[in-house]
Each structure stands twice: as C-alpha cells, then as structure tokens.
Amino acid sequence: MLKIALESLGCSKNLVDAEIMIGILIQKGYRLVSDFNEADIILVNTCGFIESAKDESIQTILELAELKKTANLKILIVTGCLAQRYSDELKIEIPEIDAIVGTGSYQNIDEIVENLKSEKNIVSLENIDFTFNENLPRYVSTPSYMAYLKIGEGCDNLCTYCIIPKLRGKYRSRKVEDILKEAKTLSENGVKELVVIAQDTTKYGYDIYGKEMLPTLLEELAKIEGFKWIRIMYSYPETISKELINVMKKYDNICNYFDMPIQHASNKILKLMNRKTTKEDILKKVNLIRESLPNVVIRTTIIVGFPGEDENDFNELIDFVKLVKFDRLGAFEYSNEEGTPAYKLPNHVDEETKSKRKKRLMMVQQEISYELNNKKVGEIYEVLIEEQIEDNIYLGRTKYDAQEIDNIVYVKSKEKLNEGDFVNVLINSAMEYDLMGDVVNEFTK
C-alpha cells in the first residue's frame, strides 16, 4: 500500500479538485499520510494565477523534490493551474517531477499514477472544458464542521487581467440535483458550515438553465437539515439580484455575507479591466444590499496599479472606499500576466508605485475596520470555535467571517471548548481587524 501526501495551494476551488484526486486514490487503495517524509507519492496542487502564487508553487515543488534525496519519496506529481499553464517549462526546469497533470486531467489521476509504474515524465493536458464526473469520490480535508461546495467550473467574464478562462475553460454549472445530493451527504457527515464556491457563483445556472439559478439553489440548500451557516463566495456585483438578496433574507442559515470583488472604482479602469459594471452601479448595489439586510457584511477585493491607473484614478478609488466603508477588504498589486489582454496595455505602473498605493489603501481600510469593530463592543455574537491557543483562550469566528481570509475572535472561556463548538460571546475589546470577548452562556446548537 503506497503512501500518498498532498500539498494544495491557492484557492478553495483548487482545494476541491485536490480532495477529489485524493478521494480517487484512496478508493484505489492508496493510504493518505500527513507527514511528507513518509510519503511514497506527493501531489502538489498548484496555483498559477498571479506572480506571487506562481513563486509559492515553484518554491514548494522544489522543496518537496528534495525529499527524493532525503526521505521516502519516489513519485512527485504536479497538478493544478501552474501545471496547466507552464507544463513545458516545468518539465525542463524541474526534472524531478514525474507527472504534470493539467486542470482538465485531474479526474484521471488514478490512471496517471498507475502509468507511472512503467512510464516517466508523463504530461497529461486533457480538455479544460471537460464535463464533470459526478460519480467521483471526494476526501474532505477541511475541519469536520465545514466544507466547500463547488457549483461550477470555469469562467466567461473575460476580465483583461485574468488568465483563469485559459486555465479552467468556459463556465460550466453542475446540475441542481447533483449539487443537492452532495450537500446532503456533507450534512449527514456532520458539516455545519457549507461554503458555496465557483469562479463566479452569481452566474450559476445560466449556461444549462438559460438563467441565473443561484437563488433557487440556495433556497434548496437552506432546507437541508443540519447546515447552520451557508456562505456564498465570489459574487460579482453586476449579477447580485434582488431575488438573491430576498432568499438570503428569508433563511436564517444563509449568512448575511457578500464576497463581492469590485476590483476598482474608477470607471476608466473598470472599462480597461473589461468589468461589466460602473462605480455608480456598484454603489447602487451596495446600498440595495445594506437596505435589504441591515446586519450584512460586505467583503471586497481590489487591484491596485492596473495599467493606466494614474493618481486621479487611485484617489477616486480611495474616496470610494472611504464612502462605502467595506466591512472586509483585500488588496492585490496588479500582476502582469502573459497571455492576458492587459499584458499588452500601455502605461504600466512601476512596482514601487504599486506597493505604495497598496499600503495607502490598506491603511485607509485599517481605520475603517477599527471604527466598525469598535461598534461591536458590548454586543453578543455567536462564534464558531476553531482552535485553542492557551489555557481558556480560543480562536473563533462569527458567521460574518470566512475561514482563513477574514477577522477572528479571541474567546475566553472558563469551560473547556472543542473545535467546532458554537458559543455566544460578549465582545469586550476591539482591534483593527480582530475582536476579543468572553463566553456568556451555554452552547448553541
């Protein structure tokens, strides 16, 4: 029985692919281990979206390749977006790699591993517009209380800075009945927080049903017994509808949380990005959401230093962020990616200017976050416990915070708490991004 280990990098959508690959291999008799030094086979599921992600992926591959000399490693397999994008370069530059598996080939991972018994240097780049096989097993690697649910693959938005359509193909929705079947299985296995993901969740269904079906899907997911929190990620502002907002308002177990990447607030830059919206439309959508869901949290993502972004564009962005006061905000410096339309645009911004703009934006957001957090002092929030860090001190998060990317709550409790517990916490202190508080009563269900 060969031992296999996994290192999955990048986004949660990539993680689900990795979980399917591990599920397939476990079903075939391979044994999953957490210690890379024990593994006969290592899968590195890579990200190739922006420069920093590519660098992390390459460094990880090189570090794990060393285990062929120092540990038990016999087979090193590289999968995911970097494998799809740079298969030729990886084959030449890192000869320790035994197989390169693209985004259209991961469903065949068992055949590829089997073929490695008689072949070396396999490169498998199947059709990226593949039809998803609903019968594949999946090994859920997240904590037992939460899981991701991928409802679609690929993207048709064609933003000029993004390589994803060339790596993941056209937008393909899964059927409602297949998604619900998987969701019910996750609930039966004890999942309390279901995180709905796709490259753009709000576009779900338009390719197979002729209309956007996320509200309908959410309504059905909300009726499944066992889910305490249902969170939707990657919702683009132009396709957030009143119908979607109303469904979120109707069901208590759908989190009042929008992950809404706007990328910029200058109409000039939005047009250069090929975004299908304007600053005015974004503001209307934010106001509609907040008027309909008073306790809602809106998270956004912004790119600074896009080609052509001048001081006026950046100041317009800063003014917009100050006006809207997003609850959560992440910022990235523009990464000039070959193969994207933006790569050929004129007036690229230098690295120093991009770095300064990002720092200025995040300082503005830090002040906003601190102001919003201070308003939470004295309030009671339900908190999901995720880790114990000291005696009687735990880390957790509210339903307004996505795992790993948003704020945390430091929880003090006289009673022993366990990972996955939901407790009510009185907030008594606020920091720029995080909160502190004490457990005030019994566990919630």
Foldseek 3Di string as FASTA:
>chain_A
DFEEEEAEDDDQVLVQLVQLLVQQVVVVPYHYDHDLQRGQEYEYAADDKFDVRVVVSVVVQVVSLCSVVVGNYDAYEYEYQCLQPPVVVCVPVPVSHFERYAQVGSNVNVVVVVCSVPGGYYYYDDDLPDDDDLPGGGHAPDPLQEGEQEFWWADDLQFQQTPGCVRRNYIDGDDLVSSLVVLLVSQVSNHAEYEYDYQAQLQHPCVPNVGRCNLVSVLSSLPRPRHQAYEYARHEQVRDDPSNLVSCVVGNRYALEYEYAPQFACQVVCVNRSPPDHNVSSVVSLVVSCVSPVPHAYEYEYEPQQAPCDPVRLVSRLVSCLVSLHLHYHYDYRGQDPPGNSVPDPRGDDPVVSVVSRVVSVVSNLVSNQVVQVVQQQPKFKWQFAAADDVQWTKTHGSHDDPPRAEIEIEGEPDDDDHGWIFIWHWHDTHSGYTYTYGDDDTDD
